[in-house]
Each structure stands twice: as C-alpha cells, then as structure tokens.
Protein backbone atom coordinates (compact mmCIF):
# COMPACT_ATOMS: atom_id res chain seq x y z
CA MET A 1 -134.72 -88.08 117.23
CA SER A 2 -132.40 -89.82 119.69
CA ASP A 3 -133.70 -92.18 122.34
CA THR A 4 -132.98 -89.54 125.02
CA ARG A 5 -134.96 -86.87 123.22
CA ARG A 6 -137.79 -89.28 122.48
CA MET A 7 -137.93 -90.11 126.22
CA LEU A 8 -137.89 -86.42 127.13
CA ALA A 9 -140.76 -85.70 124.72
CA GLU A 10 -142.77 -88.62 126.04
CA MET A 11 -142.34 -87.37 129.62
CA ALA A 12 -142.80 -83.66 129.00
CA ASP A 13 -145.57 -83.57 126.42
CA PRO A 14 -148.42 -85.04 128.50
CA LEU A 15 -147.35 -83.09 131.60
CA PHE A 16 -147.18 -79.80 129.81
CA ALA A 17 -150.51 -80.50 128.13
CA GLU A 18 -152.07 -81.15 131.55
CA LEU A 19 -150.55 -78.07 133.23
CA GLY A 20 -151.05 -75.72 130.27
CA PRO A 21 -151.26 -71.91 130.48
CA ASN A 22 -152.62 -71.89 134.03
CA ALA A 23 -149.61 -73.64 135.54
CA SER A 24 -147.83 -71.78 138.36
CA GLU A 25 -144.43 -72.29 140.02
CA GLU A 26 -146.00 -72.27 143.51
CA ARG A 27 -148.44 -75.04 142.70
CA ASP A 28 -146.80 -77.06 139.91
CA LEU A 29 -143.02 -76.62 139.96
CA SER A 30 -142.58 -79.72 142.06
CA ARG A 31 -144.06 -81.84 139.23
CA LEU A 32 -141.42 -80.51 136.84
CA GLU A 33 -138.71 -81.14 139.36
CA GLU A 34 -139.85 -84.74 139.82
CA LEU A 35 -138.88 -85.33 136.18
CA GLY A 36 -135.58 -83.44 136.57
CA LEU A 37 -136.52 -80.92 133.89
CA PRO A 38 -135.17 -77.74 135.58
CA LEU A 39 -131.76 -79.56 135.78
CA LEU A 40 -131.84 -80.50 132.11
CA LEU A 41 -128.54 -78.81 131.27
CA VAL A 42 -126.78 -79.64 134.54
CA SER A 43 -124.22 -82.48 134.30
CA GLU A 44 -124.94 -85.91 135.63
CA ALA A 45 -121.87 -85.53 137.91
CA GLU A 46 -123.76 -82.70 139.62
CA ASP A 47 -126.97 -84.77 139.88
CA GLY A 48 -128.51 -83.15 136.79
CA PHE A 49 -130.04 -84.61 133.66
CA GLY A 50 -126.87 -84.14 131.60
CA GLY A 51 -128.76 -83.07 128.47
CA ASP A 52 -127.42 -81.17 125.48
CA TRP A 53 -128.91 -78.18 123.58
CA LEU A 54 -130.89 -80.41 121.23
CA ASP A 55 -132.51 -81.96 124.31
CA ALA A 56 -133.26 -78.43 125.53
CA LEU A 57 -134.80 -77.60 122.16
CA THR A 58 -137.17 -80.55 122.55
CA VAL A 59 -138.35 -79.42 126.00
CA PHE A 60 -138.44 -75.68 125.27
CA ARG A 61 -140.41 -76.23 122.08
CA LEU A 62 -143.00 -78.36 123.89
CA SER A 63 -143.37 -75.71 126.63
CA GLY A 64 -144.20 -73.23 123.84
CA TYR A 65 -146.54 -75.65 122.09
CA HIS A 66 -148.64 -75.99 125.25
CA ALA A 67 -148.15 -72.30 126.30
CA LEU A 68 -146.90 -73.58 129.67
CA GLY A 69 -147.60 -71.08 132.41
CA ILE A 70 -144.25 -71.72 134.12
CA ASP A 71 -141.21 -70.20 132.44
CA LEU A 72 -139.32 -73.52 132.44
CA PRO A 73 -136.61 -72.41 130.01
CA ALA A 74 -135.63 -69.58 132.34
CA LEU A 75 -135.30 -72.07 135.22
CA VAL A 76 -133.21 -74.47 133.07
CA ILE A 77 -130.82 -71.79 131.90
CA GLN A 78 -130.56 -70.22 135.36
CA ARG A 79 -129.42 -73.52 136.84
CA ALA A 80 -126.99 -74.29 134.01
CA GLU A 81 -123.39 -73.09 134.34
CA GLY A 82 -121.46 -70.91 131.99
CA GLY A 83 -122.37 -69.07 128.80
CA ASP A 84 -124.15 -65.82 128.05
CA ARG A 85 -127.48 -66.15 129.85
CA GLU A 86 -129.15 -63.47 127.75
CA LEU A 87 -128.00 -65.21 124.51
CA ALA A 88 -129.15 -68.67 125.71
CA MET A 89 -132.57 -67.12 126.72
CA ALA A 90 -132.91 -65.71 123.19
CA PHE A 91 -132.45 -69.29 121.98
CA ALA A 92 -135.08 -70.50 124.42
CA ARG A 93 -137.65 -67.95 123.25
CA SER A 94 -136.90 -68.98 119.63
CA CYS A 95 -137.76 -72.60 120.53
CA GLN A 96 -140.93 -71.61 122.39
CA ILE A 97 -142.04 -69.46 119.50
CA ALA A 98 -141.52 -72.36 117.09
CA GLY A 99 -143.57 -74.66 119.25
CA ALA A 100 -146.39 -72.14 119.83
CA LEU A 101 -146.58 -71.40 116.10
CA ASP A 102 -147.02 -75.10 115.37
CA ALA A 103 -149.81 -75.27 117.95
CA ALA A 104 -151.59 -72.22 116.56
CA LEU A 105 -151.28 -73.63 113.05
CA ALA A 106 -152.78 -76.94 114.16
CA LEU A 107 -155.73 -75.12 115.77
CA SER A 108 -156.23 -73.03 112.66
CA VAL A 109 -156.23 -76.03 110.30
CA GLY A 110 -158.62 -77.93 112.57
CA TYR A 111 -160.95 -74.97 112.79
CA VAL A 112 -161.20 -74.25 109.04
CA ASN A 113 -161.86 -77.92 108.34
CA GLU A 114 -164.81 -77.91 110.78
CA ARG A 115 -166.27 -74.42 110.27
CA GLN A 116 -168.86 -74.25 107.45
CA GLN A 117 -169.36 -71.16 105.32
CA PHE A 118 -171.62 -70.98 102.26
CA GLY A 119 -172.28 -74.70 102.50
CA ARG A 120 -168.71 -75.93 102.64
CA PRO A 121 -165.76 -75.95 105.09
CA LEU A 122 -163.69 -72.80 105.24
CA GLY A 123 -160.64 -74.93 104.47
CA LYS A 124 -161.98 -75.56 100.96
CA PHE A 125 -161.61 -71.86 99.99
CA GLN A 126 -158.44 -71.14 98.02
CA ALA A 127 -157.64 -67.91 99.87
CA VAL A 128 -157.79 -69.69 103.20
CA GLN A 129 -155.60 -72.48 101.91
CA GLN A 130 -153.02 -69.98 100.64
CA ASN A 131 -152.96 -68.16 103.95
CA LEU A 132 -152.46 -71.39 105.91
CA ALA A 133 -149.74 -72.48 103.50
CA THR A 134 -147.94 -69.20 104.22
CA PHE A 135 -148.42 -69.77 107.96
CA ALA A 136 -147.01 -73.32 107.64
CA CYS A 137 -143.92 -71.98 105.85
CA GLU A 138 -143.29 -69.42 108.61
CA ALA A 139 -143.69 -72.05 111.34
CA ALA A 140 -141.33 -74.41 109.49
CA ALA A 141 -138.73 -71.65 109.07
CA ALA A 142 -138.86 -70.85 112.81
CA ASN A 143 -138.44 -74.50 113.69
CA CYS A 144 -135.49 -74.97 111.26
CA ALA A 145 -133.77 -71.86 112.66
CA ALA A 146 -134.18 -73.13 116.23
CA VAL A 147 -132.68 -76.52 115.29
CA GLY A 148 -129.73 -74.78 113.61
CA ALA A 149 -129.13 -72.71 116.77
CA ALA A 150 -129.25 -75.82 118.98
CA GLN A 151 -126.78 -77.69 116.75
CA ALA A 152 -124.46 -74.64 116.84
CA LEU A 153 -124.64 -74.43 120.64
CA ASP A 154 -123.67 -78.12 120.89
CA ARG A 155 -120.66 -77.39 118.63
CA GLY A 156 -119.57 -74.30 120.59
CA ALA A 157 -120.04 -70.61 119.79
CA ALA A 158 -123.47 -69.86 118.39
CA ASP A 159 -123.90 -66.08 118.48
CA PHE A 160 -124.73 -65.82 114.78
CA GLU A 161 -127.16 -68.77 114.76
CA ILE A 162 -129.03 -67.60 117.86
CA ALA A 163 -129.35 -64.05 116.48
CA ALA A 164 -130.62 -65.47 113.16
CA ALA A 165 -133.02 -67.86 114.92
CA LYS A 166 -134.54 -65.20 117.18
CA LEU A 167 -134.95 -62.75 114.32
CA ARG A 168 -136.56 -65.40 112.11
CA ALA A 169 -138.85 -66.50 114.89
CA ASN A 170 -139.86 -62.90 115.63
CA ARG A 171 -140.69 -62.32 111.99
CA ALA A 172 -142.80 -65.49 111.91
CA VAL A 173 -144.84 -64.34 114.88
CA GLU A 174 -146.34 -61.36 113.08
CA VAL A 175 -147.41 -63.39 110.06
CA GLY A 176 -148.53 -66.50 111.96
CA THR A 177 -150.64 -64.72 114.57
CA ALA A 178 -152.32 -62.49 112.03
CA ILE A 179 -153.36 -65.44 109.86
CA ALA A 180 -154.46 -67.51 112.86
CA HIS A 181 -156.85 -64.79 114.05
CA GLN A 182 -158.04 -64.01 110.55
CA VAL A 183 -159.19 -67.56 109.95
CA HIS A 184 -160.73 -67.90 113.43
CA GLY A 185 -162.53 -64.59 113.54
CA ALA A 186 -163.93 -63.48 116.88
CA ILE A 187 -163.75 -66.87 118.55
CA GLY A 188 -159.96 -66.72 118.51
CA PHE A 189 -160.04 -63.96 121.12
CA THR A 190 -162.41 -65.64 123.57
CA GLN A 191 -161.11 -66.64 126.99
CA GLU A 192 -162.20 -70.27 126.73
CA TYR A 193 -160.53 -70.85 123.38
CA ALA A 194 -156.86 -71.95 123.32
CA LEU A 195 -155.64 -69.68 120.52
CA GLN A 196 -155.44 -66.50 122.53
CA HIS A 197 -153.17 -68.19 125.12
CA LEU A 198 -150.76 -69.00 122.30
CA THR A 199 -150.85 -65.69 120.50
CA ARG A 200 -150.50 -63.60 123.65
CA ARG A 201 -147.41 -65.58 124.58
CA LEU A 202 -146.06 -65.33 121.06
CA TRP A 203 -146.17 -61.58 121.12
CA GLN A 204 -144.61 -61.51 124.59
CA TRP A 205 -141.76 -63.83 123.53
CA ARG A 206 -141.22 -61.83 120.36
CA SER A 207 -140.28 -58.73 122.39
CA GLU A 208 -138.30 -60.49 125.07
CA HIS A 209 -134.54 -60.98 124.80
CA GLY A 210 -134.17 -58.94 121.64
CA ASN A 211 -136.80 -57.67 119.25
CA ASP A 212 -136.55 -57.54 115.44
CA ALA A 213 -134.58 -54.28 115.38
CA TYR A 214 -132.11 -55.49 118.01
CA TRP A 215 -131.19 -58.73 116.25
CA SER A 216 -131.21 -57.15 112.80
CA ALA A 217 -128.69 -54.59 114.02
CA LYS A 218 -126.54 -57.33 115.60
CA LEU A 219 -126.46 -59.40 112.42
CA GLY A 220 -126.01 -56.37 110.16
CA SER A 221 -123.14 -54.89 112.16
CA GLY A 222 -121.37 -58.26 112.07
CA VAL A 223 -121.64 -58.48 108.29
CA ILE A 224 -120.43 -54.88 107.87
CA ALA A 225 -117.47 -55.47 110.17
CA ARG A 226 -116.36 -58.51 108.20
CA GLY A 227 -117.06 -57.02 104.79
CA ALA A 228 -119.38 -58.13 102.01
CA ASP A 229 -116.84 -60.40 100.39
CA ASN A 230 -116.62 -62.51 103.56
CA PHE A 231 -120.39 -62.94 104.03
CA TRP A 232 -120.90 -66.14 102.00
CA PRO A 233 -117.65 -67.86 103.10
CA ASP A 234 -118.43 -67.00 106.73
CA LEU A 235 -121.96 -68.33 106.35
CA THR A 236 -121.03 -71.64 104.76
CA ALA A 237 -118.18 -72.14 107.25
CA ARG A 238 -120.70 -72.27 110.07
CA THR A 239 -122.47 -75.39 108.77
CA ASP A 240 -121.46 -78.99 109.36
C-alpha cells in the first residue's frame, strides 16, 4: 500500500466506523467533505484530491466494510470528469461488496468462536469451519477482482475487468450472506446486530449497476464476438 493510500485508509476508516449505516448526507456529508473525499478523483489543479483508481478502491472498500449510510462512491464518481459513469459505478459496487463481505466474514468468525454449543465453541465444528473457509475464499476472490479492475482503470480501458469484477462480486454475495446467516442463526437478523446492515446492503449492491445475468451476457457476447481461439490470448494480454 502506498503512503497516499495508507493515509486515506487512516483518515477514512475511523470516520466511516463512527458514522456507520445511520449516516445521512444532510447531517454528515460535511464531515466527508472536510477530508476532501467526495473530490477524491478530481485533479489537484481543480482543487481536488488527485487520487487514482487504487485510491478510490481503498475508500470505496472501507465504505462497504462499515456499511456507510451515505453513498460516497456515487458522489465521488459524479464529481469526477470523463468516463462511463455507469461502468465506474459498477466498479464502485464491486469494491463495496468486497469490503462488506470482509466485514460479514469477520463478524461470523468472531461469533462462532464465542458461541458455545454442546460444550464447545461453534468454530470447533468441522462443518462450520468448512463453511467459513468457503466464505473466506469468496471474499478473497471479490477483493482480488476489485483490485484487478482498479489496476485496469489506472492503465486505461477496463470494460472487461469491471464486468468480471462485478460478476464475481455478485456471485460471492449469494454464498457469503447465506453462510453468514447460517452460522449466526436468528441473531443475525436482529436490528441491533451489525450483520443485517451488511447483508441488506450486499443484496442491494448486487442488483445495482448490473446483476449476474447482465454481466454474464456482456462477457459472453464479447468472447463470442472475438472467437474461442482468441479468448486466452485476449485474457493474458490484459495483465501487466
């Protein structure tokens, strides 16, 4: 992580944690503006932060991790110039999903290590461990896909990487939220418990700016248009 991104994380993380799901633009937007976060992708020459897409990934992911009630990514992309807004928003939702999955996983691991069943923690049962290992793989895949999309955006055109990232993140939502609520049981749905804030947002973000069918069709039509023989060369050509 660069010094800039480390600074961003150190500024944003405690603020997002404090504001949380109940944040509102009317009451709390000024606190985000004090840090210059809505101008994250605006150039320094225009009095913005001058950040890149990996910087945006850091902030968007943290907003998802804390289920921030303000749609900060939408504000950031709205104020940035150029590009396909709908495609950048798909990237933003991918980042938020990655962050929220990590948060839901952390809650789940903490819960099963504390909750006792039949005289031992739930986390000691093999079936629970296997489910959480599957959850961890899904969260890691979503995070890796979001990083790949951010790197592609910083290089230039990133249509393929964003489509792949949103589709992968969408797929991870179904698995991750199901496991999280299975291991928590009824408490996961209660108003005072943090999990339901995360999972409700995850399902919302999954459907926004392209659902599974939409991005599958986009990726599939691109492969068909280029032909099967070009798939692997095209894929490897997109990496550094």
